[in-house]
Amino acid sequence: MLNLPVSPRRRRPSLTPMIDVVFLLLVFFMLVARFGGTDGVSLLLAAPGGETPYTGPPRLVSVMPAGLALNGQPVTDLPTALAPLMAGPDDLIVIRPAPGTGVARLVDVLNTLREAGFTRLAVVE
């Protein structure tokens, strides 16, 4: 009888380490990626003692969770209410969020004023 050597079965390479590396890379790129664009809101930051004192008509916008007030009076259309108080679009408008007002609400008001053409917005605490 013929005794031929039995060839050993070749083991298939394990894909587990490669899959582990792929998942680690996937997690890494998900953590360092930016999802969606971040839109910035430019604000006027006052330096202590850096500017001359304010001498115009009062333009204090109070942002509340359920409404807006201009110089303490409730308003519905803020750009229209501000128009008589403005000499130009670069006049200073002071914006004060009331306690409990969300940041999204404040940013909505800032964007509304920017779209109306007002350029100098200052947020105070």
PDB file of N, CA and C in Angstrom:
ATOM      1  N   MET A   1       0.808  -1.144   0.000  1.00  0.00           N
ATOM      2  CA  MET A   1       0.000   0.000   0.000  1.00  0.00           C
ATOM      3  C   MET A   1       0.871   1.235   0.000  1.00  0.00           C
ATOM      4  N   LEU A   2       0.336   2.217  -0.614  1.00  0.00           N
ATOM      5  CA  LEU A   2       1.088   3.446  -0.777  1.00  0.00           C
ATOM      6  C   LEU A   2       0.793   4.394   0.387  1.00  0.00           C
ATOM      7  N   ASN A   3       1.838   4.807   1.044  1.00  0.00           N
ATOM      8  CA  ASN A   3       1.657   5.690   2.192  1.00  0.00           C
ATOM      9  C   ASN A   3       2.077   7.100   1.802  1.00  0.00           C
ATOM     10  N   LEU A   4       1.102   7.911   1.376  1.00  0.00           N
ATOM     11  CA  LEU A   4       1.382   9.280   0.988  1.00  0.00           C
ATOM     12  C   LEU A   4       1.201  10.192   2.200  1.00  0.00           C
ATOM     13  N   PRO A   5       2.089  11.189   2.294  1.00  0.00           N
ATOM     14  CA  PRO A   5       1.932  12.079   3.443  1.00  0.00           C
ATOM     15  C   PRO A   5       0.646  12.919   3.293  1.00  0.00           C
ATOM     16  N   VAL A   6      -0.032  13.038   4.363  1.00  0.00           N
ATOM     17  CA  VAL A   6      -1.268  13.809   4.373  1.00  0.00           C
ATOM     18  C   VAL A   6      -0.890  15.284   4.517  1.00  0.00           C
ATOM     19  N   SER A   7      -1.337  16.056   3.570  1.00  0.00           N
ATOM     20  CA  SER A   7      -1.010  17.482   3.644  1.00  0.00           C
ATOM     21  C   SER A   7      -1.863  18.131   4.728  1.00  0.00           C
ATOM     22  N   PRO A   8      -1.213  18.922   5.579  1.00  0.00           N
ATOM     23  CA  PRO A   8      -2.007  19.556   6.638  1.00  0.00           C
ATOM     24  C   PRO A   8      -2.967  20.586   6.046  1.00  0.00           C
ATOM     25  N   ARG A   9      -4.122  20.654   6.623  1.00  0.00           N
ATOM     26  CA  ARG A   9      -5.099  21.637   6.140  1.00  0.00           C
ATOM     27  C   ARG A   9      -4.602  23.033   6.476  1.00  0.00           C
ATOM     28  N   ARG A  10      -4.642  23.857   5.496  1.00  0.00           N
ATOM     29  CA  ARG A  10      -4.222  25.255   5.704  1.00  0.00           C
ATOM     30  C   ARG A  10      -5.278  25.983   6.489  1.00  0.00           C
ATOM     31  N   ARG A  11      -4.826  26.669   7.531  1.00  0.00           N
ATOM     32  CA  ARG A  11      -5.761  27.466   8.319  1.00  0.00           C
ATOM     33  C   ARG A  11      -6.039  28.769   7.606  1.00  0.00           C
ATOM     34  N   ARG A  12      -7.268  29.141   7.620  1.00  0.00           N
ATOM     35  CA  ARG A  12      -7.608  30.430   7.030  1.00  0.00           C
ATOM     36  C   ARG A  12      -7.202  31.505   8.017  1.00  0.00           C
ATOM     37  N   PRO A  13      -6.712  32.623   7.500  1.00  0.00           N
ATOM     38  CA  PRO A  13      -6.319  33.685   8.429  1.00  0.00           C
ATOM     39  C   PRO A  13      -7.553  34.243   9.150  1.00  0.00           C
ATOM     40  N   SER A  14      -7.358  34.573  10.400  1.00  0.00           N
ATOM     41  CA  SER A  14      -8.454  35.095  11.194  1.00  0.00           C
ATOM     42  C   SER A  14      -8.671  36.565  10.847  1.00  0.00           C
ATOM     43  N   LEU A  15      -9.915  36.923  10.641  1.00  0.00           N
ATOM     44  CA  LEU A  15     -10.256  38.306  10.318  1.00  0.00           C
ATOM     45  C   LEU A  15     -10.588  39.125  11.559  1.00  0.00           C
ATOM     46  N   THR A  16     -10.617  38.502  12.702  1.00  0.00           N
ATOM     47  CA  THR A  16     -10.984  39.212  13.930  1.00  0.00           C
ATOM     48  C   THR A  16     -10.066  40.389  14.237  1.00  0.00           C
ATOM     49  N   PRO A  17      -8.740  40.260  14.180  1.00  0.00           N
ATOM     50  CA  PRO A  17      -7.903  41.435  14.455  1.00  0.00           C
ATOM     51  C   PRO A  17      -8.125  42.586  13.471  1.00  0.00           C
ATOM     52  N   MET A  18      -8.347  42.247  12.208  1.00  0.00           N
ATOM     53  CA  MET A  18      -8.582  43.302  11.225  1.00  0.00           C
ATOM     54  C   MET A  18      -9.913  44.015  11.502  1.00  0.00           C
ATOM     55  N   ILE A  19     -10.935  43.269  11.876  1.00  0.00           N
ATOM     56  CA  ILE A  19     -12.221  43.876  12.195  1.00  0.00           C
ATOM     57  C   ILE A  19     -12.088  44.761  13.427  1.00  0.00           C
ATOM     58  N   ASP A  20     -11.315  44.325  14.410  1.00  0.00           N
ATOM     59  CA  ASP A  20     -11.094  45.147  15.603  1.00  0.00           C
ATOM     60  C   ASP A  20     -10.433  46.477  15.241  1.00  0.00           C
ATOM     61  N   VAL A  21      -9.445  46.424  14.381  1.00  0.00           N
ATOM     62  CA  VAL A  21      -8.753  47.649  13.974  1.00  0.00           C
ATOM     63  C   VAL A  21      -9.699  48.565  13.207  1.00  0.00           C
ATOM     64  N   VAL A  22     -10.519  48.020  12.348  1.00  0.00           N
ATOM     65  CA  VAL A  22     -11.461  48.829  11.579  1.00  0.00           C
ATOM     66  C   VAL A  22     -12.457  49.517  12.517  1.00  0.00           C
ATOM     67  N   PHE A  23     -12.960  48.806  13.506  1.00  0.00           N
ATOM     68  CA  PHE A  23     -13.897  49.415  14.449  1.00  0.00           C
ATOM     69  C   PHE A  23     -13.219  50.478  15.301  1.00  0.00           C
ATOM     70  N   LEU A  24     -11.975  50.252  15.699  1.00  0.00           N
ATOM     71  CA  LEU A  24     -11.252  51.273  16.449  1.00  0.00           C
ATOM     72  C   LEU A  24     -11.060  52.538  15.613  1.00  0.00           C
ATOM     73  N   LEU A  25     -10.729  52.367  14.344  1.00  0.00           N
ATOM     74  CA  LEU A  25     -10.589  53.525  13.461  1.00  0.00           C
ATOM     75  C   LEU A  25     -11.932  54.235  13.276  1.00  0.00           C
ATOM     76  N   LEU A  26     -12.983  53.476  13.139  1.00  0.00           N
ATOM     77  CA  LEU A  26     -14.311  54.063  12.988  1.00  0.00           C
ATOM     78  C   LEU A  26     -14.684  54.888  14.214  1.00  0.00           C
ATOM     79  N   VAL A  27     -14.454  54.341  15.394  1.00  0.00           N
ATOM     80  CA  VAL A  27     -14.761  55.075  16.623  1.00  0.00           C
ATOM     81  C   VAL A  27     -13.891  56.324  16.724  1.00  0.00           C
ATOM     82  N   PHE A  28     -12.618  56.208  16.389  1.00  0.00           N
ATOM     83  CA  PHE A  28     -11.715  57.359  16.447  1.00  0.00           C
ATOM     84  C   PHE A  28     -12.207  58.480  15.537  1.00  0.00           C
ATOM     85  N   PHE A  29     -12.525  58.156  14.304  1.00  0.00           N
ATOM     86  CA  PHE A  29     -12.953  59.199  13.372  1.00  0.00           C
ATOM     87  C   PHE A  29     -14.321  59.764  13.722  1.00  0.00           C
ATOM     88  N   MET A  30     -15.168  58.970  14.340  1.00  0.00           N
ATOM     89  CA  MET A  30     -16.455  59.511  14.778  1.00  0.00           C
ATOM     90  C   MET A  30     -16.267  60.494  15.928  1.00  0.00           C
ATOM     91  N   LEU A  31     -15.304  60.234  16.796  1.00  0.00           N
ATOM     92  CA  LEU A  31     -15.085  61.123  17.931  1.00  0.00           C
ATOM     93  C   LEU A  31     -14.406  62.430  17.539  1.00  0.00           C
ATOM     94  N   VAL A  32     -13.540  62.399  16.538  1.00  0.00           N
ATOM     95  CA  VAL A  32     -12.818  63.620  16.186  1.00  0.00           C
ATOM     96  C   VAL A  32     -13.498  64.403  15.070  1.00  0.00           C
ATOM     97  N   ALA A  33     -14.503  63.832  14.457  1.00  0.00           N
ATOM     98  CA  ALA A  33     -15.177  64.528  13.348  1.00  0.00           C
ATOM     99  C   ALA A  33     -16.130  65.582  13.895  1.00  0.00           C
ATOM    100  N   ARG A  34     -16.328  66.602  13.122  1.00  0.00           N
ATOM    101  CA  ARG A  34     -17.329  67.622  13.440  1.00  0.00           C
ATOM    102  C   ARG A  34     -18.575  67.308  12.648  1.00  0.00           C
ATOM    103  N   PHE A  35     -19.653  67.128  13.359  1.00  0.00           N
ATOM    104  CA  PHE A  35     -20.922  66.862  12.694  1.00  0.00           C
ATOM    105  C   PHE A  35     -21.663  68.177  12.572  1.00  0.00           C
ATOM    106  N   GLY A  36     -21.881  68.618  11.378  1.00  0.00           N
ATOM    107  CA  GLY A  36     -22.568  69.877  11.148  1.00  0.00           C
ATOM    108  C   GLY A  36     -21.644  71.054  11.352  1.00  0.00           C
ATOM    109  N   GLY A  37     -21.988  72.148  10.743  1.00  0.00           N
ATOM    110  CA  GLY A  37     -21.187  73.353  10.881  1.00  0.00           C
ATOM    111  C   GLY A  37     -21.565  74.113  12.136  1.00  0.00           C
ATOM    112  N   THR A  38     -20.609  74.760  12.694  1.00  0.00           N
ATOM    113  CA  THR A  38     -20.893  75.590  13.855  1.00  0.00           C
ATOM    114  C   THR A  38     -20.877  77.034  13.398  1.00  0.00           C
ATOM    115  N   ASP A  39     -22.027  77.656  13.490  1.00  0.00           N
ATOM    116  CA  ASP A  39     -22.138  79.055  13.103  1.00  0.00           C
ATOM    117  C   ASP A  39     -21.788  79.922  14.296  1.00  0.00           C
ATOM    118  N   GLY A  40     -20.929  80.864  14.069  1.00  0.00           N
ATOM    119  CA  GLY A  40     -20.539  81.752  15.144  1.00  0.00           C
ATOM    120  C   GLY A  40     -21.392  83.006  15.152  1.00  0.00           C
ATOM    121  N   VAL A  41     -21.561  83.559  16.308  1.00  0.00           N
ATOM    122  CA  VAL A  41     -22.280  84.811  16.476  1.00  0.00           C
ATOM    123  C   VAL A  41     -21.274  85.823  16.976  1.00  0.00           C
ATOM    124  N   SER A  42     -21.056  86.887  16.204  1.00  0.00           N
ATOM    125  CA  SER A  42     -20.086  87.879  16.633  1.00  0.00           C
ATOM    126  C   SER A  42     -20.750  88.838  17.618  1.00  0.00           C
ATOM    127  N   LEU A  43     -20.078  89.042  18.716  1.00  0.00           N
ATOM    128  CA  LEU A  43     -20.601  89.910  19.766  1.00  0.00           C
ATOM    129  C   LEU A  43     -19.581  90.980  20.076  1.00  0.00           C
ATOM    130  N   LEU A  44     -20.049  92.086  20.575  1.00  0.00           N
ATOM    131  CA  LEU A  44     -19.191  93.178  21.007  1.00  0.00           C
ATOM    132  C   LEU A  44     -18.810  92.934  22.456  1.00  0.00           C
ATOM    133  N   LEU A  45     -17.518  92.766  22.700  1.00  0.00           N
ATOM    134  CA  LEU A  45     -17.038  92.565  24.052  1.00  0.00           C
ATOM    135  C   LEU A  45     -16.418  93.862  24.532  1.00  0.00           C
ATOM    136  N   ALA A  46     -16.916  94.393  25.591  1.00  0.00           N
ATOM    137  CA  ALA A  46     -16.443  95.674  26.092  1.00  0.00           C
ATOM    138  C   ALA A  46     -15.224  95.474  26.976  1.00  0.00           C
ATOM    139  N   ALA A  47     -14.195  96.248  26.693  1.00  0.00           N
ATOM    140  CA  ALA A  47     -13.018  96.246  27.551  1.00  0.00           C
ATOM    141  C   ALA A  47     -13.249  97.249  28.671  1.00  0.00           C
ATOM    142  N   PRO A  48     -12.793  96.957  29.871  1.00  0.00           N
ATOM    143  CA  PRO A  48     -13.053  97.894  30.963  1.00  0.00           C
ATOM    144  C   PRO A  48     -12.365  99.233  30.716  1.00  0.00           C
ATOM    145  N   GLY A  49     -13.151 100.279  30.702  1.00  0.00           N
ATOM    146  CA  GLY A  49     -12.619 101.634  30.526  1.00  0.00           C
ATOM    147  C   GLY A  49     -12.088 101.916  29.140  1.00  0.00           C
ATOM    148  N   GLY A  50     -12.397 101.066  28.161  1.00  0.00           N
ATOM    149  CA  GLY A  50     -11.826 101.244  26.836  1.00  0.00           C
ATOM    150  C   GLY A  50     -12.625 102.138  25.922  1.00  0.00           C
ATOM    151  N   GLU A  51     -13.918 102.298  26.186  1.00  0.00           N
ATOM    152  CA  GLU A  51     -14.762 103.084  25.298  1.00  0.00           C
ATOM    153  C   GLU A  51     -15.247 104.351  25.997  1.00  0.00           C
ATOM    154  N   THR A  52     -15.712 105.283  25.190  1.00  0.00           N
ATOM    155  CA  THR A  52     -16.288 106.502  25.751  1.00  0.00           C
ATOM    156  C   THR A  52     -17.672 106.179  26.316  1.00  0.00           C
ATOM    157  N   PRO A  53     -18.156 106.934  27.265  1.00  0.00           N
ATOM    158  CA  PRO A  53     -19.482 106.661  27.834  1.00  0.00           C
ATOM    159  C   PRO A  53     -20.575 106.761  26.778  1.00  0.00           C
ATOM    160  N   TYR A  54     -21.593 105.952  26.941  1.00  0.00           N
ATOM    161  CA  TYR A  54     -22.713 105.921  26.010  1.00  0.00           C
ATOM    162  C   TYR A  54     -23.607 107.137  26.243  1.00  0.00           C
ATOM    163  N   THR A  55     -23.971 107.822  25.139  1.00  0.00           N
ATOM    164  CA  THR A  55     -24.770 109.040  25.275  1.00  0.00           C
ATOM    165  C   THR A  55     -25.994 109.071  24.377  1.00  0.00           C
ATOM    166  N   GLY A  56     -26.405 107.955  23.801  1.00  0.00           N
ATOM    167  CA  GLY A  56     -27.553 107.958  22.901  1.00  0.00           C
ATOM    168  C   GLY A  56     -28.839 107.613  23.623  1.00  0.00           C
ATOM    169  N   PRO A  57     -29.941 107.487  22.857  1.00  0.00           N
ATOM    170  CA  PRO A  57     -31.199 107.070  23.478  1.00  0.00           C
ATOM    171  C   PRO A  57     -31.063 105.631  23.982  1.00  0.00           C
ATOM    172  N   PRO A  58     -31.798 105.287  25.026  1.00  0.00           N
ATOM    173  CA  PRO A  58     -31.663 103.924  25.566  1.00  0.00           C
ATOM    174  C   PRO A  58     -32.192 102.885  24.580  1.00  0.00           C
ATOM    175  N   ARG A  59     -31.411 101.851  24.394  1.00  0.00           N
ATOM    176  CA  ARG A  59     -31.793 100.743  23.518  1.00  0.00           C
ATOM    177  C   ARG A  59     -31.454  99.437  24.236  1.00  0.00           C
ATOM    178  N   LEU A  60     -32.200  99.130  25.259  1.00  0.00           N
ATOM    179  CA  LEU A  60     -31.993  97.921  26.048  1.00  0.00           C
ATOM    180  C   LEU A  60     -33.074  96.915  25.684  1.00  0.00           C
ATOM    181  N   VAL A  61     -32.656  95.817  25.107  1.00  0.00           N
ATOM    182  CA  VAL A  61     -33.576  94.751  24.712  1.00  0.00           C
ATOM    183  C   VAL A  61     -33.473  93.651  25.762  1.00  0.00           C
ATOM    184  N   SER A  62     -34.583  93.365  26.411  1.00  0.00           N
ATOM    185  CA  SER A  62     -34.641  92.268  27.378  1.00  0.00           C
ATOM    186  C   SER A  62     -35.243  91.058  26.684  1.00  0.00           C
ATOM    187  N   VAL A  63     -34.486  89.970  26.669  1.00  0.00           N
ATOM    188  CA  VAL A  63     -34.946  88.731  26.034  1.00  0.00           C
ATOM    189  C   VAL A  63     -35.452  87.809  27.131  1.00  0.00           C
ATOM    190  N   MET A  64     -36.735  87.510  27.076  1.00  0.00           N
ATOM    191  CA  MET A  64     -37.368  86.635  28.063  1.00  0.00           C
ATOM    192  C   MET A  64     -37.764  85.337  27.373  1.00  0.00           C
ATOM    193  N   PRO A  65     -37.969  84.286  28.130  1.00  0.00           N
ATOM    194  CA  PRO A  65     -38.341  83.013  27.489  1.00  0.00           C
ATOM    195  C   PRO A  65     -39.601  83.101  26.638  1.00  0.00           C
ATOM    196  N   ALA A  66     -40.533  83.997  27.006  1.00  0.00           N
ATOM    197  CA  ALA A  66     -41.799  84.048  26.279  1.00  0.00           C
ATOM    198  C   ALA A  66     -42.022  85.354  25.527  1.00  0.00           C
ATOM    199  N   GLY A  67     -41.056  86.246  25.487  1.00  0.00           N
ATOM    200  CA  GLY A  67     -41.285  87.502  24.789  1.00  0.00           C
ATOM    201  C   GLY A  67     -40.056  88.394  24.822  1.00  0.00           C
ATOM    202  N   LEU A  68     -40.254  89.617  24.308  1.00  0.00           N
ATOM    203  CA  LEU A  68     -39.187  90.609  24.249  1.00  0.00           C
ATOM    204  C   LEU A  68     -39.685  91.908  24.853  1.00  0.00           C
ATOM    205  N   ALA A  69     -38.751  92.676  25.394  1.00  0.00           N
ATOM    206  CA  ALA A  69     -39.090  93.996  25.909  1.00  0.00           C
ATOM    207  C   ALA A  69     -38.009  94.972  25.470  1.00  0.00           C
ATOM    208  N   LEU A  70     -38.438  96.160  25.017  1.00  0.00           N
ATOM    209  CA  LEU A  70     -37.515  97.220  24.631  1.00  0.00           C
ATOM    210  C   LEU A  70     -37.661  98.337  25.650  1.00  0.00           C
ATOM    211  N   ASN A  71     -36.597  98.589  26.387  1.00  0.00           N
ATOM    212  CA  ASN A  71     -36.595  99.592  27.454  1.00  0.00           C
ATOM    213  C   ASN A  71     -37.729  99.352  28.450  1.00  0.00           C
ATOM    214  N   GLY A  72     -38.002  98.090  28.744  1.00  0.00           N
ATOM    215  CA  GLY A  72     -39.014  97.729  29.725  1.00  0.00           C
ATOM    216  C   GLY A  72     -40.418  97.587  29.180  1.00  0.00           C
ATOM    217  N   GLN A  73     -40.649  97.934  27.917  1.00  0.00           N
ATOM    218  CA  GLN A  73     -41.981  97.842  27.309  1.00  0.00           C
ATOM    219  C   GLN A  73     -42.044  96.612  26.403  1.00  0.00           C
ATOM    220  N   PRO A  74     -43.057  95.759  26.552  1.00  0.00           N
ATOM    221  CA  PRO A  74     -43.160  94.578  25.692  1.00  0.00           C
ATOM    222  C   PRO A  74     -43.322  94.970  24.225  1.00  0.00           C
ATOM    223  N   VAL A  75     -42.630  94.246  23.352  1.00  0.00           N
ATOM    224  CA  VAL A  75     -42.731  94.474  21.906  1.00  0.00           C
ATOM    225  C   VAL A  75     -42.902  93.130  21.210  1.00  0.00           C
ATOM    226  N   THR A  76     -43.523  93.181  20.024  1.00  0.00           N
ATOM    227  CA  THR A  76     -43.657  91.975  19.218  1.00  0.00           C
ATOM    228  C   THR A  76     -42.738  92.026  18.009  1.00  0.00           C
ATOM    229  N   ASP A  77     -42.607  93.193  17.380  1.00  0.00           N
ATOM    230  CA  ASP A  77     -41.732  93.346  16.222  1.00  0.00           C
ATOM    231  C   ASP A  77     -40.548  94.222  16.645  1.00  0.00           C
ATOM    232  N   LEU A  78     -39.466  93.573  17.024  1.00  0.00           N
ATOM    233  CA  LEU A  78     -38.329  94.296  17.595  1.00  0.00           C
ATOM    234  C   LEU A  78     -37.652  95.242  16.607  1.00  0.00           C
ATOM    235  N   PRO A  79     -37.339  94.838  15.372  1.00  0.00           N
ATOM    236  CA  PRO A  79     -36.687  95.788  14.464  1.00  0.00           C
ATOM    237  C   PRO A  79     -37.512  97.049  14.197  1.00  0.00           C
ATOM    238  N   THR A  80     -38.820  96.916  14.096  1.00  0.00           N
ATOM    239  CA  THR A  80     -39.673  98.080  13.879  1.00  0.00           C
ATOM    240  C   THR A  80     -39.693  98.979  15.116  1.00  0.00           C
ATOM    241  N   ALA A  81     -39.699  98.393  16.285  1.00  0.00           N
ATOM    242  CA  ALA A  81     -39.702  99.183  17.514  1.00  0.00           C
ATOM    243  C   ALA A  81     -38.367  99.888  17.731  1.00  0.00           C
ATOM    244  N   LEU A  82     -37.279  99.295  17.244  1.00  0.00           N
ATOM    245  CA  LEU A  82     -35.956  99.906  17.395  1.00  0.00           C
ATOM    246  C   LEU A  82     -35.716 101.035  16.399  1.00  0.00           C
ATOM    247  N   ALA A  83     -36.397 101.016  15.274  1.00  0.00           N
ATOM    248  CA  ALA A  83     -36.121 101.979  14.201  1.00  0.00           C
ATOM    249  C   ALA A  83     -36.157 103.435  14.652  1.00  0.00           C
ATOM    250  N   PRO A  84     -37.127 103.903  15.438  1.00  0.00           N
ATOM    251  CA  PRO A  84     -37.117 105.316  15.829  1.00  0.00           C
ATOM    252  C   PRO A  84     -35.968 105.686  16.774  1.00  0.00           C
ATOM    253  N   LEU A  85     -35.401 104.707  17.436  1.00  0.00           N
ATOM    254  CA  LEU A  85     -34.319 104.974  18.382  1.00  0.00           C
ATOM    255  C   LEU A  85     -32.936 104.938  17.741  1.00  0.00           C
ATOM    256  N   MET A  86     -32.874 104.543  16.482  1.00  0.00           N
ATOM    257  CA  MET A  86     -31.583 104.329  15.812  1.00  0.00           C
ATOM    258  C   MET A  86     -31.271 105.489  14.870  1.00  0.00           C
ATOM    259  N   ALA A  87     -30.036 106.015  14.981  1.00  0.00           N
ATOM    260  CA  ALA A  87     -29.570 107.012  14.013  1.00  0.00           C
ATOM    261  C   ALA A  87     -28.968 106.326  12.797  1.00  0.00           C
ATOM    262  N   GLY A  88     -28.468 105.120  12.984  1.00  0.00           N
ATOM    263  CA  GLY A  88     -27.885 104.343  11.897  1.00  0.00           C
ATOM    264  C   GLY A  88     -27.765 102.890  12.317  1.00  0.00           C
ATOM    265  N   PRO A  89     -27.442 101.991  11.379  1.00  0.00           N
ATOM    266  CA  PRO A  89     -27.376 100.563  11.727  1.00  0.00           C
ATOM    267  C   PRO A  89     -26.194 100.211  12.623  1.00  0.00           C
ATOM    268  N   ASP A  90     -25.232 101.136  12.779  1.00  0.00           N
ATOM    269  CA  ASP A  90     -24.080 100.837  13.617  1.00  0.00           C
ATOM    270  C   ASP A  90     -24.208 101.402  15.030  1.00  0.00           C
ATOM    271  N   ASP A  91     -25.410 101.842  15.415  1.00  0.00           N
ATOM    272  CA  ASP A  91     -25.644 102.271  16.791  1.00  0.00           C
ATOM    273  C   ASP A  91     -25.678 101.052  17.708  1.00  0.00           C
ATOM    274  N   LEU A  92     -25.273 101.251  18.934  1.00  0.00           N
ATOM    275  CA  LEU A  92     -25.183 100.161  19.901  1.00  0.00           C
ATOM    276  C   LEU A  92     -26.558  99.748  20.405  1.00  0.00           C
ATOM    277  N   ILE A  93     -26.788  98.435  20.411  1.00  0.00           N
ATOM    278  CA  ILE A  93     -27.993  97.848  20.992  1.00  0.00           C
ATOM    279  C   ILE A  93     -27.533  96.906  22.093  1.00  0.00           C
ATOM    280  N   VAL A  94     -28.036  97.138  23.291  1.00  0.00           N
ATOM    281  CA  VAL A  94     -27.665  96.315  24.442  1.00  0.00           C
ATOM    282  C   VAL A  94     -28.742  95.245  24.638  1.00  0.00           C
ATOM    283  N   ILE A  95     -28.312  94.002  24.728  1.00  0.00           N
ATOM    284  CA  ILE A  95     -29.240  92.877  24.850  1.00  0.00           C
ATOM    285  C   ILE A  95     -28.967  92.182  26.182  1.00  0.00           C
ATOM    286  N   ARG A  96     -30.028  92.009  26.961  1.00  0.00           N
ATOM    287  CA  ARG A  96     -29.905  91.377  28.270  1.00  0.00           C
ATOM    288  C   ARG A  96     -30.877  90.211  28.354  1.00  0.00           C
ATOM    289  N   PRO A  97     -30.355  88.981  28.450  1.00  0.00           N
ATOM    290  CA  PRO A  97     -31.266  87.837  28.624  1.00  0.00           C
ATOM    291  C   PRO A  97     -31.757  87.774  30.068  1.00  0.00           C
ATOM    292  N   ALA A  98     -33.032  87.505  30.237  1.00  0.00           N
ATOM    293  CA  ALA A  98     -33.620  87.347  31.570  1.00  0.00           C
ATOM    294  C   ALA A  98     -33.235  85.979  32.123  1.00  0.00           C
ATOM    295  N   PRO A  99     -33.239  85.829  33.429  1.00  0.00           N
ATOM    296  CA  PRO A  99     -32.954  84.506  33.998  1.00  0.00           C
ATOM    297  C   PRO A  99     -33.931  83.462  33.462  1.00  0.00           C
ATOM    298  N   GLY A 100     -33.400  82.323  33.116  1.00  0.00           N
ATOM    299  CA  GLY A 100     -34.223  81.247  32.576  1.00  0.00           C
ATOM    300  C   GLY A 100     -34.349  81.260  31.063  1.00  0.00           C
ATOM    301  N   THR A 101     -33.753  82.247  30.400  1.00  0.00           N
ATOM    302  CA  THR A 101     -33.808  82.309  28.939  1.00  0.00           C
ATOM    303  C   THR A 101     -32.740  81.396  28.365  1.00  0.00           C
ATOM    304  N   GLY A 102     -33.114  80.575  27.415  1.00  0.00           N
ATOM    305  CA  GLY A 102     -32.172  79.657  26.798  1.00  0.00           C
ATOM    306  C   GLY A 102     -31.256  80.361  25.805  1.00  0.00           C
ATOM    307  N   VAL A 103     -30.125  79.736  25.563  1.00  0.00           N
ATOM    308  CA  VAL A 103     -29.156  80.303  24.632  1.00  0.00           C
ATOM    309  C   VAL A 103     -29.723  80.325  23.214  1.00  0.00           C
ATOM    310  N   ALA A 104     -30.484  79.312  22.861  1.00  0.00           N
ATOM    311  CA  ALA A 104     -31.076  79.271  21.520  1.00  0.00           C
ATOM    312  C   ALA A 104     -32.008  80.460  21.303  1.00  0.00           C
ATOM    313  N   ARG A 105     -32.764  80.822  22.315  1.00  0.00           N
ATOM    314  CA  ARG A 105     -33.660  81.982  22.206  1.00  0.00           C
ATOM    315  C   ARG A 105     -32.861  83.263  22.020  1.00  0.00           C
ATOM    316  N   LEU A 106     -31.763  83.409  22.776  1.00  0.00           N
ATOM    317  CA  LEU A 106     -30.900  84.580  22.646  1.00  0.00           C
ATOM    318  C   LEU A 106     -30.284  84.658  21.259  1.00  0.00           C
ATOM    319  N   VAL A 107     -29.818  83.536  20.744  1.00  0.00           N
ATOM    320  CA  VAL A 107     -29.210  83.519  19.410  1.00  0.00           C
ATOM    321  C   VAL A 107     -30.250  83.837  18.344  1.00  0.00           C
ATOM    322  N   ASP A 108     -31.488  83.390  18.516  1.00  0.00           N
ATOM    323  CA  ASP A 108     -32.556  83.732  17.565  1.00  0.00           C
ATOM    324  C   ASP A 108     -32.780  85.238  17.507  1.00  0.00           C
ATOM    325  N   VAL A 109     -32.792  85.886  18.672  1.00  0.00           N
ATOM    326  CA  VAL A 109     -32.982  87.338  18.704  1.00  0.00           C
ATOM    327  C   VAL A 109     -31.786  88.042  18.062  1.00  0.00           C
ATOM    328  N   LEU A 110     -30.581  87.571  18.353  1.00  0.00           N
ATOM    329  CA  LEU A 110     -29.383  88.158  17.735  1.00  0.00           C
ATOM    330  C   LEU A 110     -29.421  88.017  16.215  1.00  0.00           C
ATOM    331  N   ASN A 111     -29.823  86.847  15.734  1.00  0.00           N
ATOM    332  CA  ASN A 111     -29.911  86.640  14.285  1.00  0.00           C
ATOM    333  C   ASN A 111     -30.993  87.521  13.659  1.00  0.00           C
ATOM    334  N   THR A 112     -32.108  87.707  14.345  1.00  0.00           N
ATOM    335  CA  THR A 112     -33.170  88.581  13.841  1.00  0.00           C
ATOM    336  C   THR A 112     -32.667  90.012  13.691  1.00  0.00           C
ATOM    337  N   LEU A 113     -31.925  90.475  14.699  1.00  0.00           N
ATOM    338  CA  LEU A 113     -31.384  91.838  14.624  1.00  0.00           C
ATOM    339  C   LEU A 113     -30.324  91.965  13.536  1.00  0.00           C
ATOM    340  N   ARG A 114     -29.507  90.961  13.372  1.00  0.00           N
ATOM    341  CA  ARG A 114     -28.494  90.985  12.301  1.00  0.00           C
ATOM    342  C   ARG A 114     -29.158  91.015  10.927  1.00  0.00           C
ATOM    343  N   GLU A 115     -30.198  90.215  10.754  1.00  0.00           N
ATOM    344  CA  GLU A 115     -30.908  90.189   9.473  1.00  0.00           C
ATOM    345  C   GLU A 115     -31.595  91.520   9.189  1.00  0.00           C
ATOM    346  N   ALA A 116     -31.968  92.243  10.257  1.00  0.00           N
ATOM    347  CA  ALA A 116     -32.598  93.551  10.082  1.00  0.00           C
ATOM    348  C   ALA A 116     -31.568  94.630   9.759  1.00  0.00           C
ATOM    349  N   GLY A 117     -30.286  94.280   9.817  1.00  0.00           N
ATOM    350  CA  GLY A 117     -29.242  95.221   9.424  1.00  0.00           C
ATOM    351  C   GLY A 117     -28.498  95.880  10.567  1.00  0.00           C
ATOM    352  N   PHE A 118     -28.812  95.535  11.799  1.00  0.00           N
ATOM    353  CA  PHE A 118     -28.116  96.124  12.936  1.00  0.00           C
ATOM    354  C   PHE A 118     -26.783  95.402  13.143  1.00  0.00           C
ATOM    355  N   THR A 119     -25.717  96.176  13.336  1.00  0.00           N
ATOM    356  CA  THR A 119     -24.389  95.562  13.367  1.00  0.00           C
ATOM    357  C   THR A 119     -23.723  95.572  14.737  1.00  0.00           C
ATOM    358  N   ARG A 120     -24.046  96.519  15.602  1.00  0.00           N
ATOM    359  CA  ARG A 120     -23.389  96.578  16.915  1.00  0.00           C
ATOM    360  C   ARG A 120     -24.334  96.063  17.985  1.00  0.00           C
ATOM    361  N   LEU A 121     -24.101  94.830  18.386  1.00  0.00           N
ATOM    362  CA  LEU A 121     -24.924  94.193  19.403  1.00  0.00           C
ATOM    363  C   LEU A 121     -24.027  93.837  20.587  1.00  0.00           C
ATOM    364  N   ALA A 122     -24.445  94.193  21.768  1.00  0.00           N
ATOM    365  CA  ALA A 122     -23.689  93.873  22.977  1.00  0.00           C
ATOM    366  C   ALA A 122     -24.595  93.091  23.923  1.00  0.00           C
ATOM    367  N   VAL A 123     -24.106  91.962  24.385  1.00  0.00           N
ATOM    368  CA  VAL A 123     -24.865  91.147  25.327  1.00  0.00           C
ATOM    369  C   VAL A 123     -24.317  91.398  26.721  1.00  0.00           C
ATOM    370  N   VAL A 124     -25.198  91.745  27.639  1.00  0.00           N
ATOM    371  CA  VAL A 124     -24.807  91.985  29.030  1.00  0.00           C
ATOM    372  C   VAL A 124     -25.496  90.964  29.918  1.00  0.00           C
ATOM    373  N   GLU A 125     -24.951  90.828  31.096  1.00  0.00           N
ATOM    374  CA  GLU A 125     -25.488  89.848  32.029  1.00  0.00           C
ATOM    375  C   GLU A 125     -26.528  90.459  32.924  1.00  0.00           C
TER     376      GLU A 125
END
